[in-house]
C-alpha atoms as a PDB file:
ATOM      1  CA  UNK A   1     -53.828  57.686  34.427  1.00  0.00           C
ATOM      2  CA  UNK A   2     -50.007  58.238  34.288  1.00  0.00           C
ATOM      3  CA  UNK A   3     -48.656  57.161  30.927  1.00  0.00           C
ATOM      4  CA  UNK A   4     -45.041  56.019  30.373  1.00  0.00           C
ATOM      5  CA  UNK A   5     -42.725  59.147  30.102  1.00  0.00           C
ATOM      6  CA  UNK A   6     -41.726  58.268  26.469  1.00  0.00           C
ATOM      7  CA  UNK A   7     -45.349  58.410  25.386  1.00  0.00           C
ATOM      8  CA  UNK A   8     -45.937  61.638  27.186  1.00  0.00           C
ATOM      9  CA  UNK A   9     -42.961  63.114  25.438  1.00  0.00           C
ATOM     10  CA  UNK A  10     -44.196  61.781  22.080  1.00  0.00           C
ATOM     11  CA  UNK A  11     -47.678  63.313  22.746  1.00  0.00           C
ATOM     12  CA  UNK A  12     -46.104  66.707  23.616  1.00  0.00           C
ATOM     13  CA  UNK A  13     -44.085  66.433  20.448  1.00  0.00           C
ATOM     14  CA  UNK A  14     -46.821  65.680  18.031  1.00  0.00           C
ATOM     15  CA  UNK A  15     -49.179  68.146  19.567  1.00  0.00           C
ATOM     16  CA  UNK A  16     -47.166  70.730  17.487  1.00  0.00           C
ATOM     17  CA  UNK A  17     -48.052  69.043  14.154  1.00  0.00           C
ATOM     18  CA  UNK A  18     -50.183  71.281  12.039  1.00  0.00           C
ATOM     19  CA  UNK A  19     -53.573  69.673  11.189  1.00  0.00           C
ATOM     20  CA  UNK A  20     -55.119  71.079   7.889  1.00  0.00           C
ATOM     21  CA  UNK A  21     -58.565  72.521   8.084  1.00  0.00           C
ATOM     22  CA  UNK A  22     -59.918  69.832   5.793  1.00  0.00           C
ATOM     23  CA  UNK A  23     -58.677  67.104   8.264  1.00  0.00           C
ATOM     24  CA  UNK A  24     -60.181  69.050  11.177  1.00  0.00           C
ATOM     25  CA  UNK A  25     -63.520  69.125   9.400  1.00  0.00           C
ATOM     26  CA  UNK A  26     -63.187  65.294   8.855  1.00  0.00           C
ATOM     27  CA  UNK A  27     -62.566  64.803  12.492  1.00  0.00           C
ATOM     28  CA  UNK A  28     -65.616  66.894  13.700  1.00  0.00           C
ATOM     29  CA  UNK A  29     -68.006  63.957  13.333  1.00  0.00           C
ATOM     30  CA  UNK A  30     -65.807  61.917  15.638  1.00  0.00           C
ATOM     31  CA  UNK A  31     -65.738  64.806  18.141  1.00  0.00           C
ATOM     32  CA  UNK A  32     -69.452  65.055  17.915  1.00  0.00           C
ATOM     33  CA  UNK A  33     -69.926  61.219  18.451  1.00  0.00           C
ATOM     34  CA  UNK A  34     -67.775  61.215  21.534  1.00  0.00           C
ATOM     35  CA  UNK A  35     -69.267  64.450  23.030  1.00  0.00           C
ATOM     36  CA  UNK A  36     -72.775  63.116  22.488  1.00  0.00           C
ATOM     37  CA  UNK A  37     -72.039  59.817  24.290  1.00  0.00           C
ATOM     38  CA  UNK A  38     -70.189  61.554  27.090  1.00  0.00           C
ATOM     39  CA  UNK A  39     -73.035  64.028  27.663  1.00  0.00           C
ATOM     40  CA  UNK A  40     -75.519  61.149  27.805  1.00  0.00           C
ATOM     41  CA  UNK A  41     -73.305  59.221  30.185  1.00  0.00           C
ATOM     42  CA  UNK A  42     -73.191  56.372  27.696  1.00  0.00           C
ATOM     43  CA  UNK A  43     -70.234  54.175  26.816  1.00  0.00           C
ATOM     44  CA  UNK A  44     -67.941  55.658  24.197  1.00  0.00           C
ATOM     45  CA  UNK A  45     -67.036  52.859  21.737  1.00  0.00           C
ATOM     46  CA  UNK A  46     -64.775  53.333  18.672  1.00  0.00           C
ATOM     47  CA  UNK A  47     -64.021  50.656  16.200  1.00  0.00           C
ATOM     48  CA  UNK A  48     -61.210  51.468  13.776  1.00  0.00           C
ATOM     49  CA  UNK A  49     -61.699  49.628  10.523  1.00  0.00           C
ATOM     50  CA  UNK A  50     -59.266  49.015   7.533  1.00  0.00           C
ATOM     51  CA  UNK A  51     -59.010  46.308   5.010  1.00  0.00           C
ATOM     52  CA  UNK A  52     -56.459  43.959   6.603  1.00  0.00           C
ATOM     53  CA  UNK A  53     -56.493  45.329  10.236  1.00  0.00           C
ATOM     54  CA  UNK A  54     -52.730  45.342  10.121  1.00  0.00           C
ATOM     55  CA  UNK A  55     -51.538  48.876  10.151  1.00  0.00           C
ATOM     56  CA  UNK A  56     -53.622  52.078  10.214  1.00  0.00           C
ATOM     57  CA  UNK A  57     -56.620  50.632  12.194  1.00  0.00           C
ATOM     58  CA  UNK A  58     -54.337  49.136  14.741  1.00  0.00           C
ATOM     59  CA  UNK A  59     -52.499  52.519  15.220  1.00  0.00           C
ATOM     60  CA  UNK A  60     -55.942  54.174  15.511  1.00  0.00           C
ATOM     61  CA  UNK A  61     -57.115  51.835  18.158  1.00  0.00           C
ATOM     62  CA  UNK A  62     -53.933  52.105  20.284  1.00  0.00           C
ATOM     63  CA  UNK A  63     -53.459  55.806  20.007  1.00  0.00           C
ATOM     64  CA  UNK A  64     -57.117  56.535  20.622  1.00  0.00           C
ATOM     65  CA  UNK A  65     -56.990  54.377  23.774  1.00  0.00           C
ATOM     66  CA  UNK A  66     -53.825  56.008  25.157  1.00  0.00           C
ATOM     67  CA  UNK A  67     -54.676  59.568  24.342  1.00  0.00           C
ATOM     68  CA  UNK A  68     -58.329  59.202  25.786  1.00  0.00           C
ATOM     69  CA  UNK A  69     -56.733  57.844  28.916  1.00  0.00           C
ATOM     70  CA  UNK A  70     -54.280  60.743  28.927  1.00  0.00           C
ATOM     71  CA  UNK A  71     -57.270  63.080  28.990  1.00  0.00           C
ATOM     72  CA  UNK A  72     -59.293  61.134  31.463  1.00  0.00           C
ATOM     73  CA  UNK A  73     -62.052  60.214  29.058  1.00  0.00           C
ATOM     74  CA  UNK A  74     -63.072  56.612  29.388  1.00  0.00           C
ATOM     75  CA  UNK A  75     -63.241  55.194  25.970  1.00  0.00           C
ATOM     76  CA  UNK A  76     -63.342  51.492  24.673  1.00  0.00           C
ATOM     77  CA  UNK A  77     -61.296  51.238  21.535  1.00  0.00           C
ATOM     78  CA  UNK A  78     -61.390  48.388  18.976  1.00  0.00           C
ATOM     79  CA  UNK A  79     -60.137  47.612  15.594  1.00  0.00           C
ATOM     80  CA  UNK A  80     -60.918  45.205  12.763  1.00  0.00           C
ATOM     81  CA  UNK A  81     -60.795  44.617   8.971  1.00  0.00           C
ATOM     82  CA  UNK A  82     -62.689  43.297   6.149  1.00  0.00           C
ATOM     83  CA  UNK A  83     -60.437  40.346   6.232  1.00  0.00           C
ATOM     84  CA  UNK A  84     -57.985  39.041   8.888  1.00  0.00           C
ATOM     85  CA  UNK A  85     -54.204  38.986   8.036  1.00  0.00           C
ATOM     86  CA  UNK A  86     -51.622  40.013  10.769  1.00  0.00           C
ATOM     87  CA  UNK A  87     -50.564  43.053  12.818  1.00  0.00           C
ATOM     88  CA  UNK A  88     -47.638  44.164  10.714  1.00  0.00           C
ATOM     89  CA  UNK A  89     -44.275  44.276  12.366  1.00  0.00           C
ATOM     90  CA  UNK A  90     -43.424  47.759  10.990  1.00  0.00           C
ATOM     91  CA  UNK A  91     -46.485  49.346  12.568  1.00  0.00           C
ATOM     92  CA  UNK A  92     -45.540  47.602  15.828  1.00  0.00           C
ATOM     93  CA  UNK A  93     -42.020  48.984  15.701  1.00  0.00           C
ATOM     94  CA  UNK A  94     -43.353  52.423  15.228  1.00  0.00           C
ATOM     95  CA  UNK A  95     -45.436  52.083  18.288  1.00  0.00           C
ATOM     96  CA  UNK A  96     -42.448  50.650  20.241  1.00  0.00           C
ATOM     97  CA  UNK A  97     -40.396  53.744  19.091  1.00  0.00           C
ATOM     98  CA  UNK A  98     -43.175  55.968  20.307  1.00  0.00           C
ATOM     99  CA  UNK A  99     -42.768  54.497  23.908  1.00  0.00           C
ATOM    100  CA  UNK A 100     -45.424  51.658  23.966  1.00  0.00           C
ATOM    101  CA  UNK A 101     -44.307  48.477  25.614  1.00  0.00           C
ATOM    102  CA  UNK A 102     -45.410  45.434  23.402  1.00  0.00           C
ATOM    103  CA  UNK A 103     -45.155  41.730  24.248  1.00  0.00           C
ATOM    104  CA  UNK A 104     -45.773  39.203  21.357  1.00  0.00           C
ATOM    105  CA  UNK A 105     -47.248  35.694  21.428  1.00  0.00           C
ATOM    106  CA  UNK A 106     -46.052  33.998  18.278  1.00  0.00           C
ATOM    107  CA  UNK A 107     -48.156  32.437  15.656  1.00  0.00           C
ATOM    108  CA  UNK A 108     -49.530  32.718  12.127  1.00  0.00           C
ATOM    109  CA  UNK A 109     -51.635  35.595  13.356  1.00  0.00           C
ATOM    110  CA  UNK A 110     -49.589  36.777  16.267  1.00  0.00           C
ATOM    111  CA  UNK A 111     -51.302  38.347  19.450  1.00  0.00           C
ATOM    112  CA  UNK A 112     -49.560  41.418  20.836  1.00  0.00           C
ATOM    113  CA  UNK A 113     -50.107  42.770  24.332  1.00  0.00           C
ATOM    114  CA  UNK A 114     -49.716  46.597  24.323  1.00  0.00           C
ATOM    115  CA  UNK A 115     -49.180  48.778  27.357  1.00  0.00           C
ATOM    116  CA  UNK A 116     -48.943  52.551  27.627  1.00  0.00           C
ATOM    117  CA  UNK A 117     -49.110  52.742  31.463  1.00  0.00           C
ATOM    118  CA  UNK A 118     -48.393  50.609  34.582  1.00  0.00           C
ATOM    119  CA  UNK A 119     -51.870  51.439  35.740  1.00  0.00           C
ATOM    120  CA  UNK A 120     -53.697  49.469  33.059  1.00  0.00           C
ATOM    121  CA  UNK A 121     -54.078  45.957  31.735  1.00  0.00           C
ATOM    122  CA  UNK A 122     -52.438  45.195  28.333  1.00  0.00           C
ATOM    123  CA  UNK A 123     -54.473  45.715  25.261  1.00  0.00           C
ATOM    124  CA  UNK A 124     -54.682  42.487  23.155  1.00  0.00           C
ATOM    125  CA  UNK A 125     -54.190  43.280  19.618  1.00  0.00           C
ATOM    126  CA  UNK A 126     -54.158  41.015  16.607  1.00  0.00           C
ATOM    127  CA  UNK A 127     -55.713  41.091  13.066  1.00  0.00           C
ATOM    128  CA  UNK A 128     -59.466  40.269  13.022  1.00  0.00           C
ATOM    129  CA  UNK A 129     -62.532  41.112  11.109  1.00  0.00           C
ATOM    130  CA  UNK A 130     -64.503  44.174  12.160  1.00  0.00           C
ATOM    131  CA  UNK A 131     -67.502  42.320  13.381  1.00  0.00           C
ATOM    132  CA  UNK A 132     -65.475  39.595  15.390  1.00  0.00           C
ATOM    133  CA  UNK A 133     -67.179  38.688  18.700  1.00  0.00           C
ATOM    134  CA  UNK A 134     -64.894  40.667  20.721  1.00  0.00           C
ATOM    135  CA  UNK A 135     -65.699  43.880  18.953  1.00  0.00           C
ATOM    136  CA  UNK A 136     -68.847  45.840  19.652  1.00  0.00           C
ATOM    137  CA  UNK A 137     -71.986  44.863  17.853  1.00  0.00           C
ATOM    138  CA  UNK A 138     -74.101  48.053  18.647  1.00  0.00           C
ATOM    139  CA  UNK A 139     -73.835  51.664  19.774  1.00  0.00           C
ATOM    140  CA  UNK A 140     -70.319  52.305  18.345  1.00  0.00           C
ATOM    141  CA  UNK A 141     -68.701  54.569  15.854  1.00  0.00           C
ATOM    142  CA  UNK A 142     -67.109  52.820  12.883  1.00  0.00           C
ATOM    143  CA  UNK A 143     -63.952  54.834  12.092  1.00  0.00           C
ATOM    144  CA  UNK A 144     -62.929  53.974   8.556  1.00  0.00           C
ATOM    145  CA  UNK A 145     -59.132  54.428   8.292  1.00  0.00           C
ATOM    146  CA  UNK A 146     -58.728  53.412   4.698  1.00  0.00           C
ATOM    147  CA  UNK A 147     -60.601  54.260   1.503  1.00  0.00           C
ATOM    148  CA  UNK A 148     -60.794  50.685   0.321  1.00  0.00           C
ATOM    149  CA  UNK A 149     -62.621  49.496   3.514  1.00  0.00           C
ATOM    150  CA  UNK A 150     -64.805  52.543   3.340  1.00  0.00           C
ATOM    151  CA  UNK A 151     -65.865  51.945  -0.298  1.00  0.00           C
ATOM    152  CA  UNK A 152     -66.287  48.124   0.142  1.00  0.00           C
ATOM    153  CA  UNK A 153     -68.230  48.226   3.396  1.00  0.00           C
ATOM    154  CA  UNK A 154     -71.123  50.591   2.668  1.00  0.00           C
ATOM    155  CA  UNK A 155     -72.987  49.404   5.768  1.00  0.00           C
ATOM    156  CA  UNK A 156     -71.565  48.556   9.209  1.00  0.00           C
ATOM    157  CA  UNK A 157     -74.154  46.787  11.211  1.00  0.00           C
ATOM    158  CA  UNK A 158     -74.850  48.153  14.733  1.00  0.00           C
ATOM    159  CA  UNK A 159     -72.972  51.337  14.295  1.00  0.00           C
ATOM    160  CA  UNK A 160     -74.483  54.659  15.554  1.00  0.00           C
ATOM    161  CA  UNK A 161     -72.060  56.676  13.282  1.00  0.00           C
ATOM    162  CA  UNK A 162     -69.684  56.008  10.292  1.00  0.00           C
ATOM    163  CA  UNK A 163     -66.770  58.271  10.001  1.00  0.00           C
ATOM    164  CA  UNK A 164     -64.414  58.347   7.195  1.00  0.00           C
ATOM    165  CA  UNK A 165     -60.828  59.165   8.125  1.00  0.00           C
ATOM    166  CA  UNK A 166     -58.705  57.940   5.393  1.00  0.00           C
ATOM    167  CA  UNK A 167     -55.017  57.633   6.051  1.00  0.00           C
ATOM    168  CA  UNK A 168     -52.247  57.049   3.496  1.00  0.00           C
ATOM    169  CA  UNK A 169     -50.887  53.451   3.781  1.00  0.00           C
ATOM    170  CA  UNK A 170     -47.264  53.241   4.762  1.00  0.00           C
ATOM    171  CA  UNK A 171     -47.159  49.713   3.248  1.00  0.00           C
ATOM    172  CA  UNK A 172     -45.846  51.163  -0.060  1.00  0.00           C
ATOM    173  CA  UNK A 173     -42.572  51.958   1.784  1.00  0.00           C
ATOM    174  CA  UNK A 174     -41.994  48.412   3.123  1.00  0.00           C
ATOM    175  CA  UNK A 175     -38.497  47.360   2.361  1.00  0.00           C
ATOM    176  CA  UNK A 176     -37.366  50.781   1.312  1.00  0.00           C
ATOM    177  CA  UNK A 177     -34.861  53.142   2.994  1.00  0.00           C
ATOM    178  CA  UNK A 178     -37.766  55.329   4.057  1.00  0.00           C
ATOM    179  CA  UNK A 179     -39.731  52.525   5.753  1.00  0.00           C
ATOM    180  CA  UNK A 180     -39.038  53.602   9.316  1.00  0.00           C
ATOM    181  CA  UNK A 181     -39.506  57.303   8.735  1.00  0.00           C
ATOM    182  CA  UNK A 182     -42.894  56.802   6.827  1.00  0.00           C
ATOM    183  CA  UNK A 183     -44.306  54.464   9.584  1.00  0.00           C
ATOM    184  CA  UNK A 184     -43.442  56.972  12.259  1.00  0.00           C
ATOM    185  CA  UNK A 185     -44.978  59.768  10.165  1.00  0.00           C
ATOM    186  CA  UNK A 186     -48.190  57.752   9.898  1.00  0.00           C
ATOM    187  CA  UNK A 187     -48.254  56.946  13.549  1.00  0.00           C
ATOM    188  CA  UNK A 188     -47.518  60.501  14.525  1.00  0.00           C
ATOM    189  CA  UNK A 189     -50.346  61.844  12.290  1.00  0.00           C
ATOM    190  CA  UNK A 190     -52.883  59.474  13.942  1.00  0.00           C
ATOM    191  CA  UNK A 191     -51.709  60.408  17.324  1.00  0.00           C
ATOM    192  CA  UNK A 192     -51.853  64.102  16.553  1.00  0.00           C
ATOM    193  CA  UNK A 193     -55.416  63.816  15.290  1.00  0.00           C
ATOM    194  CA  UNK A 194     -56.537  61.718  18.165  1.00  0.00           C
ATOM    195  CA  UNK A 195     -55.021  64.499  20.496  1.00  0.00           C
ATOM    196  CA  UNK A 196     -57.083  67.078  18.515  1.00  0.00           C
ATOM    197  CA  UNK A 197     -60.230  64.952  18.967  1.00  0.00           C
ATOM    198  CA  UNK A 198     -59.979  64.449  22.638  1.00  0.00           C
ATOM    199  CA  UNK A 199     -58.735  68.000  23.346  1.00  0.00           C
ATOM    200  CA  UNK A 200     -61.988  69.127  21.974  1.00  0.00           C
ATOM    201  CA  UNK A 201     -64.218  67.096  24.263  1.00  0.00           C
ATOM    202  CA  UNK A 202     -65.762  69.248  26.981  1.00  0.00           C
END
């Protein structure tokens, strides 16, 4: 699949980011899960979970989908929270700066339609709970993107694997001069780690 040139440029840029060994160790269970499913010719389903499904889990879902497509690995990517709020504008803006095309349908919990290639349908993104009807109910990996959700959801029904990938919340920089920089840093970190994951699938 041919991704938008801006996203390809971003991928090539974040590939250069150094991933500490402890993070690589934390990513290994995700690599193992994907490889196991691929080898068995079973669907690869990833559900990125955080408390509010507003920032980190959304970034995880979108980057995992784009990067898996870039490497030609068919992957179904989802996200959810322990409660529903709204997909936060600063995370959306970080994705736009990375090259994603995003259309908004307004409302209290707006729906966003995200594209990374002209060869795909838009990904519908909005804040929802992790076990909402459109998310998988079995045979998926629950990727916990924040420590709060990881600690407060000790059991994710139907998951084949539970993988803790805690990312620092850029929310603390909302309304500060560092807001844009910190959201871009978190987006880039998640992108670089998803690249590492899918580069290691044989």
